Amino acid sequence: MTLLRLMLEFIKTGLFSVGGGLATLPFLYEMSAATGWFSHADTAKASAARQNWLV
């Protein structure tokens, strides 16, 4: 059941977040609050690492 929920959350994120990686952040923050799979700090660190890697 967890795998199905994970799949549905990322499908929702992919469908409604047009505009690149930063557009996914609100969906990821909402997912972390609803599920507890990762913290807001984890999301912020992943975003910072991704932005640093792209430069």
N, C-alpha and C. Protein backbone atom coordinates (compact mmCIF):
# COMPACT_ATOMS: atom_id res chain seq x y z
N MET A 1 0.82 -1.20 0.00
CA MET A 1 0.00 0.00 0.00
C MET A 1 0.87 1.26 0.00
N THR A 2 2.00 1.21 0.70
CA THR A 2 2.89 2.37 0.74
C THR A 2 3.46 2.65 -0.65
N LEU A 3 3.80 1.60 -1.37
CA LEU A 3 4.35 1.80 -2.71
C LEU A 3 3.32 2.43 -3.64
N LEU A 4 2.08 2.00 -3.52
CA LEU A 4 1.01 2.59 -4.33
C LEU A 4 0.81 4.06 -3.98
N ARG A 5 0.83 4.38 -2.70
CA ARG A 5 0.66 5.79 -2.29
C ARG A 5 1.82 6.64 -2.79
N LEU A 6 3.03 6.10 -2.69
CA LEU A 6 4.20 6.82 -3.18
C LEU A 6 4.08 7.08 -4.68
N MET A 7 3.65 6.07 -5.42
CA MET A 7 3.49 6.22 -6.85
C MET A 7 2.43 7.29 -7.17
N LEU A 8 1.31 7.26 -6.48
CA LEU A 8 0.25 8.24 -6.73
C LEU A 8 0.69 9.66 -6.38
N GLU A 9 1.43 9.81 -5.30
CA GLU A 9 1.92 11.15 -4.91
C GLU A 9 2.85 11.72 -5.98
N PHE A 10 3.75 10.90 -6.50
CA PHE A 10 4.68 11.41 -7.50
C PHE A 10 4.01 11.59 -8.86
N ILE A 11 2.99 10.81 -9.16
CA ILE A 11 2.21 11.06 -10.39
C ILE A 11 1.51 12.41 -10.28
N LYS A 12 0.91 12.68 -9.11
CA LYS A 12 0.25 13.97 -8.90
C LYS A 12 1.24 15.11 -9.02
N THR A 13 2.41 14.94 -8.44
CA THR A 13 3.43 15.98 -8.51
C THR A 13 3.86 16.23 -9.94
N GLY A 14 4.05 15.17 -10.71
CA GLY A 14 4.46 15.31 -12.10
C GLY A 14 3.40 15.93 -12.99
N LEU A 15 2.14 15.62 -12.71
CA LEU A 15 1.05 16.15 -13.55
C LEU A 15 0.81 17.64 -13.35
N PHE A 16 0.91 18.09 -12.12
CA PHE A 16 0.50 19.45 -11.80
C PHE A 16 1.65 20.43 -11.58
N SER A 17 2.87 20.00 -11.73
CA SER A 17 4.00 20.90 -11.49
C SER A 17 4.74 21.17 -12.78
N VAL A 18 4.12 21.93 -13.65
CA VAL A 18 4.74 22.32 -14.91
C VAL A 18 5.61 23.54 -14.64
N GLY A 19 6.84 23.51 -15.08
CA GLY A 19 7.70 24.66 -14.92
C GLY A 19 9.06 24.35 -14.34
N GLY A 20 9.37 23.10 -14.15
CA GLY A 20 10.70 22.75 -13.68
C GLY A 20 10.72 22.28 -12.24
N GLY A 21 11.93 22.10 -11.75
CA GLY A 21 12.14 21.54 -10.43
C GLY A 21 11.60 22.38 -9.29
N LEU A 22 11.71 23.68 -9.39
CA LEU A 22 11.22 24.53 -8.31
C LEU A 22 9.70 24.50 -8.21
N ALA A 23 9.03 24.17 -9.29
CA ALA A 23 7.57 24.08 -9.25
C ALA A 23 7.09 22.86 -8.46
N THR A 24 7.97 21.89 -8.24
CA THR A 24 7.59 20.70 -7.47
C THR A 24 7.67 20.91 -5.97
N LEU A 25 8.34 21.95 -5.53
CA LEU A 25 8.55 22.15 -4.09
C LEU A 25 7.27 22.23 -3.27
N PRO A 26 6.25 22.98 -3.68
CA PRO A 26 5.02 22.98 -2.88
C PRO A 26 4.40 21.59 -2.74
N PHE A 27 4.45 20.80 -3.80
CA PHE A 27 3.91 19.45 -3.73
C PHE A 27 4.74 18.58 -2.79
N LEU A 28 6.06 18.73 -2.84
CA LEU A 28 6.91 17.93 -1.96
C LEU A 28 6.74 18.33 -0.50
N TYR A 29 6.59 19.63 -0.23
CA TYR A 29 6.35 20.07 1.15
C TYR A 29 5.02 19.53 1.67
N GLU A 30 4.01 19.55 0.81
CA GLU A 30 2.70 19.02 1.23
C GLU A 30 2.78 17.51 1.47
N MET A 31 3.52 16.80 0.61
CA MET A 31 3.68 15.37 0.78
C MET A 31 4.42 15.04 2.07
N SER A 32 5.44 15.83 2.39
CA SER A 32 6.19 15.55 3.62
C SER A 32 5.34 15.82 4.86
N ALA A 33 4.48 16.82 4.80
CA ALA A 33 3.60 17.10 5.94
C ALA A 33 2.52 16.03 6.09
N ALA A 34 2.01 15.54 4.98
CA ALA A 34 0.91 14.57 5.03
C ALA A 34 1.37 13.16 5.38
N THR A 35 2.57 12.79 4.92
CA THR A 35 2.99 11.40 5.09
C THR A 35 4.07 11.21 6.14
N GLY A 36 4.92 12.20 6.35
CA GLY A 36 6.02 12.06 7.30
C GLY A 36 7.18 11.24 6.76
N TRP A 37 7.20 11.00 5.45
CA TRP A 37 8.28 10.20 4.86
C TRP A 37 9.61 10.93 4.92
N PHE A 38 9.58 12.26 4.86
CA PHE A 38 10.78 13.07 4.96
C PHE A 38 10.38 14.41 5.54
N SER A 39 11.34 15.14 6.05
CA SER A 39 11.05 16.41 6.72
C SER A 39 11.16 17.58 5.72
N HIS A 40 10.70 18.74 6.18
CA HIS A 40 10.86 19.95 5.37
C HIS A 40 12.33 20.26 5.17
N ALA A 41 13.15 19.99 6.18
CA ALA A 41 14.58 20.23 6.07
C ALA A 41 15.21 19.33 5.00
N ASP A 42 14.77 18.09 4.93
CA ASP A 42 15.27 17.19 3.89
C ASP A 42 14.93 17.72 2.50
N THR A 43 13.73 18.23 2.34
CA THR A 43 13.32 18.79 1.05
C THR A 43 14.16 20.01 0.69
N ALA A 44 14.40 20.87 1.67
CA ALA A 44 15.21 22.06 1.43
C ALA A 44 16.66 21.69 1.08
N LYS A 45 17.21 20.70 1.78
CA LYS A 45 18.58 20.27 1.49
C LYS A 45 18.68 19.65 0.10
N ALA A 46 17.69 18.86 -0.29
CA ALA A 46 17.70 18.25 -1.62
C ALA A 46 17.59 19.32 -2.70
N SER A 47 16.76 20.33 -2.47
CA SER A 47 16.61 21.41 -3.43
C SER A 47 17.92 22.21 -3.55
N ALA A 48 18.55 22.47 -2.44
CA ALA A 48 19.82 23.22 -2.47
C ALA A 48 20.91 22.42 -3.17
N ALA A 49 20.95 21.12 -2.92
CA ALA A 49 21.96 20.28 -3.58
C ALA A 49 21.71 20.23 -5.08
N ARG A 50 20.44 20.15 -5.46
CA ARG A 50 20.10 20.10 -6.88
C ARG A 50 20.48 21.41 -7.59
N GLN A 51 20.20 22.54 -6.94
CA GLN A 51 20.52 23.82 -7.54
C GLN A 51 22.03 24.02 -7.64
N ASN A 52 22.76 23.55 -6.64
CA ASN A 52 24.22 23.68 -6.66
C ASN A 52 24.81 22.80 -7.74
N TRP A 53 24.23 21.62 -7.95
CA TRP A 53 24.75 20.70 -8.94
C TRP A 53 24.54 21.23 -10.36
N LEU A 54 23.46 21.96 -10.59
CA LEU A 54 23.15 22.45 -11.92
C LEU A 54 24.04 23.60 -12.38
N VAL A 55 24.70 24.27 -11.46
CA VAL A 55 25.50 25.44 -11.80
C VAL A 55 26.79 25.04 -12.45
